[in-house]
N, C-alpha and C. Protein backbone atom coordinates (compact mmCIF):
# COMPACT_ATOMS: atom_id res chain seq x y z
N MET A 1 -30.71 69.76 -20.16
CA MET A 1 -29.53 69.06 -20.56
C MET A 1 -28.96 68.23 -19.40
N ARG A 2 -28.94 68.85 -18.27
CA ARG A 2 -28.45 68.18 -17.09
C ARG A 2 -29.33 66.98 -16.77
N LYS A 3 -30.64 67.16 -16.95
CA LYS A 3 -31.58 66.08 -16.68
C LYS A 3 -31.35 64.92 -17.63
N LEU A 4 -31.07 65.20 -18.90
CA LEU A 4 -30.80 64.18 -19.90
C LEU A 4 -29.54 63.41 -19.55
N HIS A 5 -28.54 64.15 -19.11
CA HIS A 5 -27.27 63.53 -18.72
C HIS A 5 -27.49 62.60 -17.52
N THR A 6 -28.29 62.99 -16.55
CA THR A 6 -28.57 62.19 -15.37
C THR A 6 -29.36 60.94 -15.75
N GLU A 7 -30.32 61.08 -16.66
CA GLU A 7 -31.10 59.93 -17.10
C GLU A 7 -30.21 58.92 -17.85
N GLU A 8 -29.33 59.45 -18.66
CA GLU A 8 -28.40 58.59 -19.39
C GLU A 8 -27.50 57.83 -18.41
N LYS A 9 -27.04 58.54 -17.41
CA LYS A 9 -26.18 57.93 -16.40
C LYS A 9 -26.94 56.84 -15.64
N ASN A 10 -28.19 57.12 -15.25
CA ASN A 10 -29.01 56.14 -14.56
C ASN A 10 -29.28 54.94 -15.45
N SER A 11 -29.51 55.19 -16.74
CA SER A 11 -29.77 54.11 -17.68
C SER A 11 -28.54 53.20 -17.81
N ARG A 12 -27.35 53.80 -17.85
CA ARG A 12 -26.11 53.02 -17.92
C ARG A 12 -25.91 52.19 -16.65
N GLU A 13 -26.20 52.79 -15.50
CA GLU A 13 -26.07 52.07 -14.23
C GLU A 13 -27.02 50.89 -14.18
N ILE A 14 -28.26 51.09 -14.65
CA ILE A 14 -29.25 50.00 -14.66
C ILE A 14 -28.78 48.90 -15.60
N ASN A 15 -28.33 49.29 -16.81
CA ASN A 15 -27.83 48.29 -17.77
C ASN A 15 -26.59 47.58 -17.22
N GLY A 16 -25.72 48.32 -16.56
CA GLY A 16 -24.52 47.74 -15.96
C GLY A 16 -24.88 46.76 -14.86
N ASN A 17 -25.88 47.11 -14.06
CA ASN A 17 -26.33 46.21 -13.00
C ASN A 17 -26.94 44.95 -13.59
N ARG A 18 -27.68 45.09 -14.68
CA ARG A 18 -28.28 43.91 -15.33
C ARG A 18 -27.19 42.99 -15.87
N VAL A 19 -26.19 43.57 -16.50
CA VAL A 19 -25.08 42.76 -17.03
C VAL A 19 -24.36 42.06 -15.87
N PHE A 20 -24.10 42.81 -14.80
CA PHE A 20 -23.45 42.23 -13.63
C PHE A 20 -24.29 41.11 -13.05
N ASP A 21 -25.60 41.32 -12.95
CA ASP A 21 -26.50 40.29 -12.42
C ASP A 21 -26.47 39.04 -13.29
N LYS A 22 -26.48 39.22 -14.60
CA LYS A 22 -26.43 38.07 -15.51
C LYS A 22 -25.10 37.33 -15.36
N LEU A 23 -23.98 38.06 -15.31
CA LEU A 23 -22.68 37.43 -15.14
C LEU A 23 -22.58 36.70 -13.80
N LEU A 24 -23.14 37.32 -12.77
CA LEU A 24 -23.14 36.69 -11.46
C LEU A 24 -23.94 35.39 -11.47
N LYS A 25 -25.12 35.40 -12.09
CA LYS A 25 -25.95 34.20 -12.18
C LYS A 25 -25.24 33.09 -12.96
N ILE A 26 -24.65 33.46 -14.08
CA ILE A 26 -23.94 32.48 -14.91
C ILE A 26 -22.76 31.90 -14.12
N SER A 27 -22.01 32.75 -13.43
CA SER A 27 -20.88 32.28 -12.63
C SER A 27 -21.34 31.34 -11.53
N LEU A 28 -22.43 31.67 -10.87
CA LEU A 28 -22.96 30.80 -9.81
C LEU A 28 -23.41 29.46 -10.37
N ILE A 29 -24.08 29.46 -11.51
CA ILE A 29 -24.52 28.21 -12.12
C ILE A 29 -23.32 27.36 -12.51
N ILE A 30 -22.32 27.96 -13.11
CA ILE A 30 -21.11 27.21 -13.48
C ILE A 30 -20.44 26.66 -12.22
N GLY A 31 -20.37 27.47 -11.17
CA GLY A 31 -19.78 27.03 -9.91
C GLY A 31 -20.52 25.84 -9.32
N ILE A 32 -21.86 25.90 -9.38
CA ILE A 32 -22.65 24.79 -8.86
C ILE A 32 -22.37 23.52 -9.65
N PHE A 33 -22.28 23.62 -10.97
CA PHE A 33 -21.97 22.44 -11.79
C PHE A 33 -20.58 21.90 -11.48
N VAL A 34 -19.60 22.77 -11.34
CA VAL A 34 -18.24 22.31 -11.05
C VAL A 34 -18.18 21.62 -9.69
N VAL A 35 -18.75 22.24 -8.67
CA VAL A 35 -18.74 21.63 -7.33
C VAL A 35 -19.52 20.32 -7.34
N SER A 36 -20.65 20.29 -8.02
CA SER A 36 -21.43 19.05 -8.11
C SER A 36 -20.62 17.96 -8.80
N GLY A 37 -19.90 18.32 -9.84
CA GLY A 37 -19.06 17.35 -10.54
C GLY A 37 -18.00 16.76 -9.61
N PHE A 38 -17.35 17.61 -8.82
CA PHE A 38 -16.36 17.11 -7.87
C PHE A 38 -16.99 16.20 -6.82
N ILE A 39 -18.16 16.56 -6.35
CA ILE A 39 -18.84 15.74 -5.34
C ILE A 39 -19.22 14.38 -5.94
N ILE A 40 -19.75 14.37 -7.13
CA ILE A 40 -20.12 13.12 -7.79
C ILE A 40 -18.89 12.26 -8.04
N TYR A 41 -17.80 12.88 -8.50
CA TYR A 41 -16.55 12.15 -8.74
C TYR A 41 -16.06 11.52 -7.44
N TYR A 42 -16.07 12.28 -6.36
CA TYR A 42 -15.60 11.77 -5.07
C TYR A 42 -16.46 10.61 -4.59
N LEU A 43 -17.77 10.71 -4.76
CA LEU A 43 -18.67 9.66 -4.30
C LEU A 43 -18.56 8.39 -5.14
N LEU A 44 -18.35 8.54 -6.44
CA LEU A 44 -18.32 7.38 -7.33
C LEU A 44 -16.92 6.78 -7.51
N LYS A 45 -15.90 7.54 -7.17
CA LYS A 45 -14.52 7.08 -7.34
C LYS A 45 -14.23 5.99 -6.30
N PRO A 46 -13.74 4.83 -6.73
CA PRO A 46 -13.42 3.79 -5.74
C PRO A 46 -12.20 4.20 -4.92
N GLU A 47 -12.19 3.77 -3.69
CA GLU A 47 -11.04 4.02 -2.83
C GLU A 47 -9.83 3.29 -3.41
N PRO A 48 -8.65 3.85 -3.27
CA PRO A 48 -7.47 3.14 -3.77
C PRO A 48 -7.27 1.84 -2.99
N GLY A 49 -6.88 0.81 -3.70
CA GLY A 49 -6.70 -0.48 -3.06
C GLY A 49 -5.36 -0.59 -2.34
N TYR A 50 -5.25 -1.59 -1.52
CA TYR A 50 -4.01 -1.86 -0.81
C TYR A 50 -3.95 -3.35 -0.46
N TYR A 51 -2.79 -3.79 -0.06
CA TYR A 51 -2.64 -5.16 0.42
C TYR A 51 -1.99 -5.08 1.81
N MET A 52 -2.16 -6.12 2.58
CA MET A 52 -1.56 -6.22 3.90
C MET A 52 -0.56 -7.37 3.85
N PHE A 53 0.61 -7.15 4.39
CA PHE A 53 1.65 -8.16 4.40
C PHE A 53 2.29 -8.14 5.78
N GLY A 54 2.40 -9.30 6.42
CA GLY A 54 2.96 -9.32 7.76
C GLY A 54 3.63 -10.62 8.11
N ILE A 55 4.44 -10.54 9.16
CA ILE A 55 5.06 -11.73 9.75
C ILE A 55 4.42 -11.91 11.12
N LEU A 56 4.05 -13.15 11.42
CA LEU A 56 3.44 -13.49 12.70
C LEU A 56 4.39 -14.40 13.47
N ASN A 57 4.32 -14.36 14.79
CA ASN A 57 5.18 -15.23 15.59
C ASN A 57 4.64 -16.67 15.57
N SER A 58 5.24 -17.56 16.34
CA SER A 58 4.84 -18.98 16.31
C SER A 58 3.43 -19.21 16.85
N GLU A 59 2.86 -18.21 17.51
CA GLU A 59 1.47 -18.29 17.98
C GLU A 59 0.51 -17.57 17.05
N LYS A 60 0.98 -17.22 15.87
CA LYS A 60 0.20 -16.51 14.84
C LYS A 60 -0.27 -15.14 15.32
N ARG A 61 0.62 -14.46 16.04
CA ARG A 61 0.32 -13.12 16.52
C ARG A 61 1.41 -12.17 16.04
N ALA A 62 1.05 -10.92 15.85
CA ALA A 62 2.01 -9.92 15.37
C ALA A 62 2.67 -9.22 16.56
N GLU A 63 3.28 -10.01 17.44
CA GLU A 63 3.97 -9.45 18.61
C GLU A 63 4.93 -10.49 19.16
N ASN A 64 5.82 -10.06 20.00
CA ASN A 64 6.76 -10.95 20.70
C ASN A 64 7.48 -11.90 19.74
N TYR A 65 8.14 -11.33 18.76
CA TYR A 65 8.89 -12.14 17.81
C TYR A 65 10.12 -12.71 18.50
N PRO A 66 10.58 -13.86 18.03
CA PRO A 66 11.80 -14.42 18.64
C PRO A 66 12.98 -13.48 18.38
N THR A 67 13.85 -13.36 19.36
CA THR A 67 15.03 -12.51 19.19
C THR A 67 16.32 -13.29 19.39
N ASN A 68 16.23 -14.47 20.00
CA ASN A 68 17.40 -15.30 20.25
C ASN A 68 17.11 -16.74 19.85
N ALA A 69 18.15 -17.43 19.42
CA ALA A 69 18.06 -18.86 19.11
C ALA A 69 19.47 -19.44 19.21
N THR A 70 19.57 -20.74 19.11
CA THR A 70 20.88 -21.39 19.10
C THR A 70 21.13 -22.00 17.73
N ILE A 71 22.37 -22.32 17.46
CA ILE A 71 22.73 -22.92 16.18
C ILE A 71 21.91 -24.18 15.96
N GLY A 72 21.30 -24.31 14.79
CA GLY A 72 20.53 -25.49 14.42
C GLY A 72 19.09 -25.50 14.93
N GLU A 73 18.75 -24.58 15.81
CA GLU A 73 17.38 -24.53 16.34
C GLU A 73 16.44 -23.94 15.29
N ASN A 74 15.28 -24.55 15.13
CA ASN A 74 14.28 -24.01 14.21
C ASN A 74 13.59 -22.79 14.84
N VAL A 75 13.59 -21.71 14.09
CA VAL A 75 12.84 -20.52 14.49
C VAL A 75 11.60 -20.51 13.60
N SER A 76 10.42 -20.45 14.23
CA SER A 76 9.17 -20.59 13.49
C SER A 76 8.43 -19.26 13.40
N VAL A 77 7.99 -18.94 12.21
CA VAL A 77 7.16 -17.75 11.97
C VAL A 77 6.09 -18.13 10.94
N TYR A 78 5.13 -17.27 10.79
CA TYR A 78 4.10 -17.39 9.75
C TYR A 78 4.08 -16.08 8.97
N CYS A 79 3.61 -16.16 7.74
CA CYS A 79 3.39 -14.95 6.94
C CYS A 79 1.89 -14.80 6.72
N THR A 80 1.47 -13.57 6.58
CA THR A 80 0.07 -13.31 6.28
C THR A 80 -0.02 -12.26 5.18
N VAL A 81 -1.01 -12.46 4.31
CA VAL A 81 -1.27 -11.51 3.22
C VAL A 81 -2.77 -11.28 3.18
N GLY A 82 -3.16 -10.04 3.08
CA GLY A 82 -4.57 -9.67 2.92
C GLY A 82 -4.73 -8.86 1.65
N ASN A 83 -5.76 -9.15 0.89
CA ASN A 83 -5.98 -8.47 -0.40
C ASN A 83 -7.14 -7.49 -0.28
N TYR A 84 -6.84 -6.23 -0.45
CA TYR A 84 -7.86 -5.16 -0.46
C TYR A 84 -7.61 -4.26 -1.66
N LEU A 85 -7.19 -4.87 -2.78
CA LEU A 85 -6.82 -4.14 -3.98
C LEU A 85 -8.00 -3.90 -4.93
N ASN A 86 -9.19 -4.35 -4.57
CA ASN A 86 -10.36 -4.27 -5.44
C ASN A 86 -10.18 -5.10 -6.70
N ARG A 87 -9.34 -6.13 -6.62
CA ARG A 87 -9.10 -7.07 -7.72
C ARG A 87 -8.45 -8.31 -7.11
N ASP A 88 -8.33 -9.36 -7.89
CA ASP A 88 -7.64 -10.56 -7.42
C ASP A 88 -6.14 -10.27 -7.29
N LEU A 89 -5.51 -10.94 -6.35
CA LEU A 89 -4.06 -10.82 -6.15
C LEU A 89 -3.47 -12.22 -6.16
N SER A 90 -2.57 -12.47 -7.11
CA SER A 90 -1.83 -13.74 -7.17
C SER A 90 -0.39 -13.43 -6.76
N PHE A 91 0.14 -14.23 -5.84
CA PHE A 91 1.45 -13.92 -5.29
C PHE A 91 2.13 -15.20 -4.83
N HIS A 92 3.39 -15.05 -4.48
CA HIS A 92 4.10 -16.09 -3.74
C HIS A 92 5.10 -15.40 -2.82
N ILE A 93 5.53 -16.13 -1.82
CA ILE A 93 6.44 -15.63 -0.80
C ILE A 93 7.80 -16.29 -0.99
N LYS A 94 8.86 -15.50 -0.94
CA LYS A 94 10.23 -16.03 -0.96
C LYS A 94 10.83 -15.84 0.43
N VAL A 95 11.46 -16.89 0.94
CA VAL A 95 12.05 -16.85 2.28
C VAL A 95 13.57 -16.97 2.14
N PHE A 96 14.27 -16.08 2.85
CA PHE A 96 15.73 -16.03 2.84
C PHE A 96 16.25 -16.05 4.27
N ARG A 97 17.51 -16.42 4.39
CA ARG A 97 18.22 -16.31 5.66
C ARG A 97 19.35 -15.31 5.46
N GLY A 98 19.45 -14.37 6.37
CA GLY A 98 20.49 -13.36 6.25
C GLY A 98 21.41 -13.36 7.45
N ASP A 99 22.56 -12.75 7.25
CA ASP A 99 23.49 -12.59 8.37
C ASP A 99 23.90 -11.12 8.46
N ASN A 100 24.98 -10.83 9.18
CA ASN A 100 25.35 -9.44 9.38
C ASN A 100 25.88 -8.77 8.11
N THR A 101 26.08 -9.51 7.03
CA THR A 101 26.50 -8.90 5.76
C THR A 101 25.31 -8.67 4.82
N THR A 102 24.15 -9.15 5.20
CA THR A 102 22.97 -9.03 4.35
C THR A 102 22.43 -7.60 4.39
N ILE A 103 22.11 -7.09 3.23
CA ILE A 103 21.52 -5.76 3.13
C ILE A 103 20.03 -5.94 2.85
N LYS A 104 19.23 -5.31 3.68
CA LYS A 104 17.77 -5.38 3.54
C LYS A 104 17.28 -4.00 3.14
N GLU A 105 16.79 -3.90 1.92
CA GLU A 105 16.32 -2.62 1.39
C GLU A 105 14.87 -2.73 0.98
N PRO A 106 14.20 -1.61 0.77
CA PRO A 106 12.82 -1.65 0.30
C PRO A 106 12.66 -2.37 -1.04
N GLU A 107 13.75 -2.51 -1.80
CA GLU A 107 13.69 -3.18 -3.10
C GLU A 107 14.02 -4.65 -3.00
N GLY A 108 14.32 -5.16 -1.81
CA GLY A 108 14.65 -6.56 -1.64
C GLY A 108 15.93 -6.74 -0.85
N SER A 109 16.33 -8.00 -0.70
CA SER A 109 17.53 -8.29 0.08
C SER A 109 18.71 -8.56 -0.85
N ILE A 110 19.89 -8.22 -0.35
CA ILE A 110 21.13 -8.46 -1.09
C ILE A 110 22.04 -9.28 -0.19
N ASN A 111 22.66 -10.30 -0.75
CA ASN A 111 23.61 -11.14 -0.03
C ASN A 111 22.91 -12.01 1.01
N ALA A 112 21.70 -12.45 0.71
CA ALA A 112 20.97 -13.36 1.59
C ALA A 112 20.91 -14.74 0.93
N ILE A 113 20.72 -15.75 1.74
CA ILE A 113 20.66 -17.12 1.22
C ILE A 113 19.19 -17.49 1.00
N PHE A 114 18.85 -17.82 -0.24
CA PHE A 114 17.49 -18.23 -0.57
C PHE A 114 17.23 -19.60 0.03
N LEU A 115 16.10 -19.72 0.75
CA LEU A 115 15.75 -21.00 1.36
C LEU A 115 14.65 -21.71 0.59
N PHE A 116 13.53 -21.04 0.37
CA PHE A 116 12.41 -21.65 -0.34
C PHE A 116 11.37 -20.58 -0.66
N ASN A 117 10.41 -20.97 -1.49
CA ASN A 117 9.28 -20.07 -1.74
C ASN A 117 7.98 -20.89 -1.73
N THR A 118 6.89 -20.18 -1.52
CA THR A 118 5.59 -20.85 -1.52
C THR A 118 5.13 -21.02 -2.96
N SER A 119 4.15 -21.85 -3.15
CA SER A 119 3.54 -21.96 -4.47
C SER A 119 2.67 -20.72 -4.71
N LYS A 120 2.16 -20.59 -5.90
CA LYS A 120 1.32 -19.45 -6.26
C LYS A 120 0.00 -19.50 -5.48
N ILE A 121 -0.35 -18.37 -4.90
CA ILE A 121 -1.60 -18.25 -4.12
C ILE A 121 -2.39 -17.11 -4.74
N THR A 122 -3.69 -17.30 -4.90
CA THR A 122 -4.55 -16.24 -5.43
C THR A 122 -5.62 -15.92 -4.40
N LEU A 123 -5.72 -14.64 -4.08
CA LEU A 123 -6.73 -14.17 -3.14
C LEU A 123 -7.71 -13.25 -3.85
N ASN A 124 -8.98 -13.43 -3.57
CA ASN A 124 -9.99 -12.49 -4.05
C ASN A 124 -9.95 -11.24 -3.18
N HIS A 125 -10.62 -10.20 -3.63
CA HIS A 125 -10.71 -8.97 -2.85
C HIS A 125 -11.31 -9.27 -1.47
N LYS A 126 -10.73 -8.72 -0.44
CA LYS A 126 -11.14 -8.88 0.96
C LYS A 126 -10.88 -10.28 1.51
N GLN A 127 -9.99 -11.01 0.88
CA GLN A 127 -9.62 -12.33 1.38
C GLN A 127 -8.24 -12.24 2.02
N ALA A 128 -7.99 -13.07 3.03
CA ALA A 128 -6.70 -13.09 3.72
C ALA A 128 -6.14 -14.51 3.72
N TRP A 129 -4.83 -14.62 3.89
CA TRP A 129 -4.15 -15.90 3.87
C TRP A 129 -3.07 -15.89 4.94
N ILE A 130 -2.89 -17.04 5.60
CA ILE A 130 -1.79 -17.25 6.54
C ILE A 130 -1.04 -18.49 6.08
N SER A 131 0.26 -18.38 6.01
CA SER A 131 1.09 -19.49 5.53
C SER A 131 1.10 -20.64 6.53
N GLU A 132 1.64 -21.75 6.07
CA GLU A 132 1.99 -22.83 6.98
C GLU A 132 3.17 -22.32 7.83
N GLN A 133 3.50 -23.02 8.86
CA GLN A 133 4.61 -22.62 9.71
C GLN A 133 5.90 -22.65 8.90
N LEU A 134 6.64 -21.56 8.95
CA LEU A 134 7.92 -21.46 8.25
C LEU A 134 9.03 -21.65 9.28
N ASN A 135 9.84 -22.67 9.09
CA ASN A 135 10.93 -22.97 10.03
C ASN A 135 12.26 -22.63 9.39
N VAL A 136 13.05 -21.84 10.09
CA VAL A 136 14.36 -21.45 9.61
C VAL A 136 15.36 -21.72 10.72
N SER A 137 16.47 -22.36 10.36
CA SER A 137 17.55 -22.58 11.33
C SER A 137 18.81 -21.90 10.82
N PHE A 138 19.73 -21.65 11.73
CA PHE A 138 20.94 -20.91 11.41
C PHE A 138 22.16 -21.76 11.72
N PRO A 139 23.10 -21.90 10.75
CA PRO A 139 24.26 -22.76 10.95
C PRO A 139 25.41 -22.09 11.72
N LEU A 140 25.39 -20.76 11.81
CA LEU A 140 26.48 -20.04 12.47
C LEU A 140 25.91 -19.12 13.54
N SER A 141 26.72 -18.87 14.57
CA SER A 141 26.29 -17.96 15.63
C SER A 141 26.65 -16.52 15.26
N GLY A 142 26.03 -15.60 15.98
CA GLY A 142 26.35 -14.19 15.79
C GLY A 142 25.12 -13.31 15.87
N PRO A 143 25.36 -12.02 16.03
CA PRO A 143 24.24 -11.07 16.07
C PRO A 143 23.79 -10.73 14.64
N ASP A 144 22.68 -10.08 14.55
CA ASP A 144 22.15 -9.56 13.28
C ASP A 144 21.92 -10.66 12.24
N GLN A 145 21.43 -11.80 12.69
CA GLN A 145 20.99 -12.87 11.78
C GLN A 145 19.51 -12.58 11.48
N SER A 146 19.03 -12.94 10.32
CA SER A 146 17.65 -12.54 9.99
C SER A 146 16.91 -13.58 9.17
N ILE A 147 15.60 -13.61 9.42
CA ILE A 147 14.67 -14.33 8.56
C ILE A 147 14.05 -13.24 7.68
N ILE A 148 14.19 -13.39 6.39
CA ILE A 148 13.72 -12.38 5.44
C ILE A 148 12.61 -12.98 4.61
N VAL A 149 11.52 -12.24 4.49
CA VAL A 149 10.37 -12.71 3.71
C VAL A 149 10.03 -11.64 2.69
N GLU A 150 9.96 -12.04 1.43
CA GLU A 150 9.62 -11.11 0.35
C GLU A 150 8.30 -11.52 -0.29
N LEU A 151 7.49 -10.52 -0.60
CA LEU A 151 6.20 -10.74 -1.27
C LEU A 151 6.36 -10.39 -2.74
N TRP A 152 6.01 -11.35 -3.61
CA TRP A 152 6.11 -11.18 -5.05
C TRP A 152 4.75 -11.41 -5.68
N GLU A 153 4.32 -10.48 -6.52
CA GLU A 153 3.05 -10.65 -7.22
C GLU A 153 3.28 -11.44 -8.50
N MET A 154 2.41 -12.40 -8.75
CA MET A 154 2.49 -13.20 -9.97
C MET A 154 1.55 -12.56 -10.99
N LEU A 155 2.09 -12.12 -12.11
CA LEU A 155 1.31 -11.45 -13.14
C LEU A 155 0.72 -12.46 -14.11
N SER A 156 -0.25 -12.03 -14.89
CA SER A 156 -0.96 -12.95 -15.79
C SER A 156 -0.04 -13.53 -16.88
N ASN A 157 1.05 -12.85 -17.22
CA ASN A 157 1.95 -13.35 -18.25
C ASN A 157 3.06 -14.23 -17.67
N ASN A 158 2.83 -14.80 -16.46
CA ASN A 158 3.77 -15.66 -15.75
C ASN A 158 5.05 -14.95 -15.32
N ASN A 159 5.06 -13.64 -15.37
CA ASN A 159 6.16 -12.87 -14.79
C ASN A 159 5.81 -12.56 -13.34
N GLU A 160 6.79 -12.11 -12.60
CA GLU A 160 6.55 -11.73 -11.22
C GLU A 160 7.11 -10.34 -10.98
N THR A 161 6.51 -9.64 -10.04
CA THR A 161 6.99 -8.32 -9.69
C THR A 161 7.11 -8.23 -8.17
N TYR A 162 8.20 -7.66 -7.73
CA TYR A 162 8.48 -7.51 -6.30
C TYR A 162 7.52 -6.50 -5.68
N LEU A 163 6.98 -6.82 -4.50
CA LEU A 163 6.08 -5.90 -3.80
C LEU A 163 6.68 -5.36 -2.50
N GLU A 164 7.14 -6.26 -1.63
CA GLU A 164 7.56 -5.78 -0.30
C GLU A 164 8.47 -6.78 0.39
N ILE A 165 9.20 -6.30 1.40
CA ILE A 165 10.10 -7.13 2.19
C ILE A 165 9.83 -6.90 3.67
N LEU A 166 9.92 -7.98 4.45
CA LEU A 166 9.84 -7.91 5.92
C LEU A 166 10.90 -8.83 6.48
N TRP A 167 11.34 -8.58 7.72
CA TRP A 167 12.33 -9.45 8.32
C TRP A 167 12.23 -9.45 9.83
N VAL A 168 12.81 -10.49 10.41
CA VAL A 168 12.95 -10.64 11.86
C VAL A 168 14.44 -10.77 12.13
N ILE A 169 14.96 -9.95 13.05
CA ILE A 169 16.38 -9.97 13.40
C ILE A 169 16.57 -10.81 14.66
N LEU A 170 17.58 -11.67 14.64
CA LEU A 170 17.86 -12.55 15.77
C LEU A 170 19.36 -12.53 16.11
N THR A 171 19.65 -12.92 17.33
CA THR A 171 21.02 -13.22 17.74
C THR A 171 21.08 -14.73 17.92
N ILE A 172 22.04 -15.35 17.26
CA ILE A 172 22.19 -16.80 17.32
C ILE A 172 23.38 -17.13 18.21
N PHE A 173 23.11 -17.96 19.23
CA PHE A 173 24.13 -18.36 20.18
C PHE A 173 24.64 -19.76 19.84
N PRO A 174 25.92 -20.05 20.22
CA PRO A 174 26.47 -21.39 19.95
C PRO A 174 25.74 -22.48 20.71
């Protein structure tokens, strides 16, 4: 009787081990498929796109921006846009002049004087653009005067959407 009980116990252990082995194999196979799926997704998924937007000084460099000027003096800057969105980018630039009451926020400028905007420009993926020289003069003296440049995307339905704002702060002397 004891021998029968031991054989039964051994038989259950063997069957239990077989079930465990099968579950382990199935789990490993499922794990391999899941990990492989993530690897394939990561390899085939395109990198998220981005655009580059900048202000350049009068020498077309991103350094040594003007900080002082006199009333009526032209302050010259350039704008640059680079398209890395994995699609075409149509945009235009709006240029404003601000003073110490102008609020510059990530959503745009408030209480700034609109000067002009560029015509519509379309860039293919990996294409860059530099504007013509932008000249801005200031009629009044004072600190915290600014050249404000906003980037607006032109959509296919002739609407526009705001993308970004940049500015240069100056002190204007009499």
